[in-house]
């Protein structure tokens, strides 16, 4: 079984140690403007705060069915500085999780379904990606979001099957790719309103598969909260 839990390995620990040493020896500069002092400065972060997006259940309609999640929120569109931040997080730069999570919480607005859910879940990753990155970006984001909101975080969702890269897949193909790919630990307790965290939302096929699983296990509703909303790439360049 492929698990969404963190990989405990020397490689992961070494990667984090190297990142901490670089913080000390080479002060970081803002990914947006280059100013010293952090991975994203306050001014650039404030500039991104106004780009929040939200939508209802129309993200997998190309596949011919309504998604199981109730709605979604995103810190912004997958472009510019926000895209760069997400890519850095995907490239084992965990320091970008905190500013991204702050933007995600801001995107939730005053919606109690997002600010006070019964539990926070995240989209699990397969073992190969965990070994390559040292962590699951969605889990890192979920840890920060759940911590900021003082809500319980569940690690009970797992990835059972390795799925092909979704980047070039159509909406229908994405749904087929994730069919049966996710599961829950036998001891999982799911109830009430759930917020599902991921880094990027495109067609919503992955979020739909996870939401269906959570609803079948006892959740009353699932809202999706992501760092960025991307448009489907129709063909290879």
Protein backbone atom coordinates (compact mmCIF):
# COMPACT_ATOMS: atom_id res chain seq x y z
CA UNK A 1 0.00 0.00 0.00
CA UNK A 2 1.25 3.46 -0.84
CA UNK A 3 0.85 5.82 2.07
CA UNK A 4 0.28 9.55 2.32
CA UNK A 5 2.26 9.65 5.57
CA UNK A 6 5.65 11.39 5.69
CA UNK A 7 8.66 9.40 4.60
CA UNK A 8 11.13 8.98 7.45
CA UNK A 9 14.48 8.78 5.70
CA UNK A 10 18.00 10.07 5.95
CA UNK A 11 17.51 11.81 2.63
CA UNK A 12 14.54 13.78 3.94
CA UNK A 13 16.37 14.80 7.12
CA UNK A 14 19.47 15.77 5.15
CA UNK A 15 17.43 17.87 2.75
CA UNK A 16 15.83 19.82 5.58
CA UNK A 17 19.21 20.26 7.28
CA UNK A 18 20.73 21.66 4.09
CA UNK A 19 17.80 24.05 3.72
CA UNK A 20 18.28 25.28 7.31
CA UNK A 21 22.00 25.79 6.76
CA UNK A 22 21.34 27.79 3.60
CA UNK A 23 18.96 30.00 5.58
CA UNK A 24 21.82 30.82 7.93
CA UNK A 25 24.67 31.14 5.44
CA UNK A 26 22.78 32.66 2.52
CA UNK A 27 19.90 34.94 3.60
CA UNK A 28 16.95 34.40 1.32
CA UNK A 29 15.49 36.97 -1.02
CA UNK A 30 11.88 37.47 -2.04
CA UNK A 31 10.82 35.34 -5.00
CA UNK A 32 8.80 38.28 -6.26
CA UNK A 33 10.96 41.38 -5.98
CA UNK A 34 14.31 40.11 -4.73
CA UNK A 35 14.23 42.00 -1.43
CA UNK A 36 16.16 40.36 1.39
CA UNK A 37 14.47 38.94 4.45
CA UNK A 38 12.35 35.97 3.41
CA UNK A 39 11.11 33.78 0.57
CA UNK A 40 8.27 36.27 -0.08
CA UNK A 41 8.23 39.78 1.32
CA UNK A 42 5.20 41.34 2.98
CA UNK A 43 4.56 43.72 0.09
CA UNK A 44 4.50 40.97 -2.53
CA UNK A 45 2.35 38.78 -0.29
CA UNK A 46 -0.10 41.63 0.15
CA UNK A 47 -0.22 42.04 -3.62
CA UNK A 48 -1.26 38.41 -4.00
CA UNK A 49 -3.94 38.62 -1.32
CA UNK A 50 -6.46 40.23 -3.66
CA UNK A 51 -6.37 37.41 -6.21
CA UNK A 52 -8.42 34.83 -4.33
CA UNK A 53 -10.78 32.68 -6.41
CA UNK A 54 -13.78 30.54 -5.56
CA UNK A 55 -16.24 28.34 -7.39
CA UNK A 56 -18.99 25.81 -7.12
CA UNK A 57 -19.08 22.25 -8.43
CA UNK A 58 -18.29 22.87 -12.11
CA UNK A 59 -14.71 21.70 -12.32
CA UNK A 60 -15.14 18.23 -13.80
CA UNK A 61 -18.16 18.80 -16.01
CA UNK A 62 -16.09 17.83 -19.08
CA UNK A 63 -16.08 14.30 -17.69
CA UNK A 64 -19.86 14.20 -17.64
CA UNK A 65 -20.55 14.18 -13.91
CA UNK A 66 -20.84 16.62 -11.04
CA UNK A 67 -17.98 16.50 -8.54
CA UNK A 68 -18.61 15.28 -5.02
CA UNK A 69 -17.11 18.28 -3.24
CA UNK A 70 -19.42 21.17 -2.47
CA UNK A 71 -17.22 24.07 -3.59
CA UNK A 72 -13.62 25.27 -3.73
CA UNK A 73 -11.40 28.18 -2.77
CA UNK A 74 -7.97 29.08 -4.16
CA UNK A 75 -5.41 31.68 -3.16
CA UNK A 76 -5.29 32.73 -6.82
CA UNK A 77 -4.69 31.72 -10.41
CA UNK A 78 -1.74 29.49 -11.24
CA UNK A 79 0.47 32.12 -12.80
CA UNK A 80 3.10 34.71 -11.96
CA UNK A 81 4.50 34.81 -8.44
CA UNK A 82 1.88 32.42 -7.04
CA UNK A 83 2.86 29.79 -9.62
CA UNK A 84 6.53 30.30 -8.77
CA UNK A 85 5.77 29.79 -5.07
CA UNK A 86 3.89 26.55 -5.76
CA UNK A 87 6.68 25.27 -8.00
CA UNK A 88 9.24 26.08 -5.32
CA UNK A 89 7.16 24.16 -2.77
CA UNK A 90 6.99 21.21 -5.19
CA UNK A 91 10.78 21.43 -5.55
CA UNK A 92 11.42 20.70 -1.86
CA UNK A 93 11.43 24.34 -0.73
CA UNK A 94 9.22 23.84 2.32
CA UNK A 95 9.66 27.46 3.42
CA UNK A 96 7.08 28.48 0.82
CA UNK A 97 4.35 26.52 2.63
CA UNK A 98 3.75 29.18 5.30
CA UNK A 99 3.07 32.14 2.96
CA UNK A 100 0.99 29.95 0.65
CA UNK A 101 -1.08 28.70 3.58
CA UNK A 102 -1.67 32.26 4.77
CA UNK A 103 -3.00 33.17 1.31
CA UNK A 104 -5.20 30.08 1.32
CA UNK A 105 -6.72 30.98 4.66
CA UNK A 106 -7.33 34.49 3.34
CA UNK A 107 -9.13 32.97 0.35
CA UNK A 108 -11.53 31.22 2.73
CA UNK A 109 -12.91 34.61 3.69
CA UNK A 110 -15.41 34.40 6.55
CA UNK A 111 -16.83 31.03 5.52
CA UNK A 112 -17.11 28.91 8.70
CA UNK A 113 -17.07 25.76 6.59
CA UNK A 114 -13.46 26.54 5.73
CA UNK A 115 -12.39 28.32 8.90
CA UNK A 116 -13.92 25.88 11.39
CA UNK A 117 -14.21 22.46 9.72
CA UNK A 118 -14.57 19.30 11.77
CA UNK A 119 -11.34 18.02 10.25
CA UNK A 120 -8.69 18.88 7.66
CA UNK A 121 -7.53 16.24 5.18
CA UNK A 122 -4.99 16.50 2.36
CA UNK A 123 -4.50 14.73 -0.96
CA UNK A 124 -1.90 12.01 -0.34
CA UNK A 125 1.13 11.45 -2.55
CA UNK A 126 2.68 8.21 -3.78
CA UNK A 127 5.90 6.88 -2.32
CA UNK A 128 8.07 7.70 -5.34
CA UNK A 129 7.21 11.41 -5.15
CA UNK A 130 7.62 11.42 -1.38
CA UNK A 131 11.12 9.98 -1.74
CA UNK A 132 12.02 12.48 -4.46
CA UNK A 133 10.77 15.58 -2.63
CA UNK A 134 11.18 14.52 0.97
CA UNK A 135 7.59 15.47 1.74
CA UNK A 136 4.10 15.85 0.27
CA UNK A 137 3.40 19.53 -0.60
CA UNK A 138 -0.31 19.10 0.14
CA UNK A 139 0.48 17.70 3.59
CA UNK A 140 2.85 20.54 4.42
CA UNK A 141 0.19 23.07 3.43
CA UNK A 142 -2.45 21.19 5.42
CA UNK A 143 -0.24 21.16 8.52
CA UNK A 144 0.13 24.92 8.41
CA UNK A 145 -3.54 25.59 7.60
CA UNK A 146 -4.80 23.24 10.34
CA UNK A 147 -2.36 24.74 12.82
CA UNK A 148 -3.36 28.32 12.05
CA UNK A 149 -7.05 27.43 12.33
CA UNK A 150 -6.55 25.19 15.39
CA UNK A 151 -8.44 22.38 13.66
CA UNK A 152 -7.62 18.64 13.73
CA UNK A 153 -5.51 17.30 10.86
CA UNK A 154 -5.99 13.73 9.63
CA UNK A 155 -3.30 11.59 8.00
CA UNK A 156 -5.75 8.74 7.39
CA UNK A 157 -6.08 9.13 3.62
CA UNK A 158 -3.56 7.10 1.62
CA UNK A 159 -2.66 6.62 -2.02
CA UNK A 160 -3.01 2.98 -2.96
CA UNK A 161 -2.11 3.17 -6.63
CA UNK A 162 0.53 5.15 -8.46
CA UNK A 163 -1.18 7.32 -11.06
CA UNK A 164 0.25 8.71 -14.33
CA UNK A 165 1.20 12.36 -14.56
CA UNK A 166 -2.07 14.29 -14.93
CA UNK A 167 -0.53 17.35 -16.60
CA UNK A 168 -1.39 16.43 -20.19
CA UNK A 169 -4.53 14.37 -19.50
CA UNK A 170 -8.05 15.44 -20.46
CA UNK A 171 -10.78 15.82 -17.86
CA UNK A 172 -12.23 12.35 -18.57
CA UNK A 173 -8.77 10.75 -18.56
CA UNK A 174 -7.94 12.36 -15.24
CA UNK A 175 -11.03 10.84 -13.67
CA UNK A 176 -10.08 7.41 -15.03
CA UNK A 177 -6.51 7.80 -13.77
CA UNK A 178 -7.57 8.35 -10.15
CA UNK A 179 -10.32 5.74 -10.03
CA UNK A 180 -9.62 3.58 -6.99
CA UNK A 181 -6.27 5.28 -6.35
CA UNK A 182 -7.11 6.54 -2.86
CA UNK A 183 -8.16 4.85 0.33
CA UNK A 184 -8.52 5.36 4.08
CA UNK A 185 -6.73 3.68 6.95
CA UNK A 186 -9.02 1.13 8.70
CA UNK A 187 -9.04 3.21 11.88
CA UNK A 188 -10.03 6.44 10.09
CA UNK A 189 -12.83 8.47 11.69
CA UNK A 190 -14.55 10.85 9.28
CA UNK A 191 -17.48 13.07 10.21
CA UNK A 192 -19.02 16.46 9.63
CA UNK A 193 -17.63 19.17 7.42
CA UNK A 194 -14.22 18.36 5.92
CA UNK A 195 -11.75 20.67 4.20
CA UNK A 196 -9.52 18.95 1.66
CA UNK A 197 -6.13 20.58 0.98
CA UNK A 198 -4.08 20.36 -2.21
CA UNK A 199 -1.53 22.56 -3.97
CA UNK A 200 -3.25 23.00 -7.35
CA UNK A 201 -6.80 22.44 -8.61
CA UNK A 202 -7.25 21.89 -12.36
CA UNK A 203 -10.20 19.74 -13.48
CA UNK A 204 -10.93 18.65 -9.93
CA UNK A 205 -10.67 14.94 -10.77
CA UNK A 206 -8.30 14.17 -7.88
CA UNK A 207 -10.32 16.28 -5.44
CA UNK A 208 -13.48 14.55 -6.65
CA UNK A 209 -12.04 11.08 -6.02
CA UNK A 210 -10.91 12.06 -2.53
CA UNK A 211 -14.20 13.78 -1.73
CA UNK A 212 -16.24 10.73 -2.76
CA UNK A 213 -14.10 8.60 -0.47
CA UNK A 214 -14.54 10.99 2.47
CA UNK A 215 -18.30 11.28 1.94
CA UNK A 216 -18.68 7.51 1.78
CA UNK A 217 -16.77 7.28 5.08
CA UNK A 218 -19.07 9.69 6.94
CA UNK A 219 -18.29 13.29 5.97
CA UNK A 220 -21.37 15.46 5.48
CA UNK A 221 -19.63 17.78 3.01
CA UNK A 222 -16.20 18.43 1.55
CA UNK A 223 -14.81 21.82 0.60
CA UNK A 224 -11.57 22.06 -1.38
CA UNK A 225 -8.92 24.62 -0.43
CA UNK A 226 -5.87 24.98 -2.69
CA UNK A 227 -2.94 27.28 -3.27
CA UNK A 228 -3.71 27.85 -6.95
CA UNK A 229 -6.36 27.27 -9.60
CA UNK A 230 -4.99 26.15 -12.96
CA UNK A 231 -6.59 25.82 -16.36
CA UNK A 232 -6.53 22.45 -18.15
CA UNK A 233 -3.71 22.11 -20.69
CA UNK A 234 -5.39 20.81 -23.80
CA UNK A 235 -2.38 19.61 -25.75
CA UNK A 236 1.37 19.27 -25.61
CA UNK A 237 3.34 22.29 -26.87
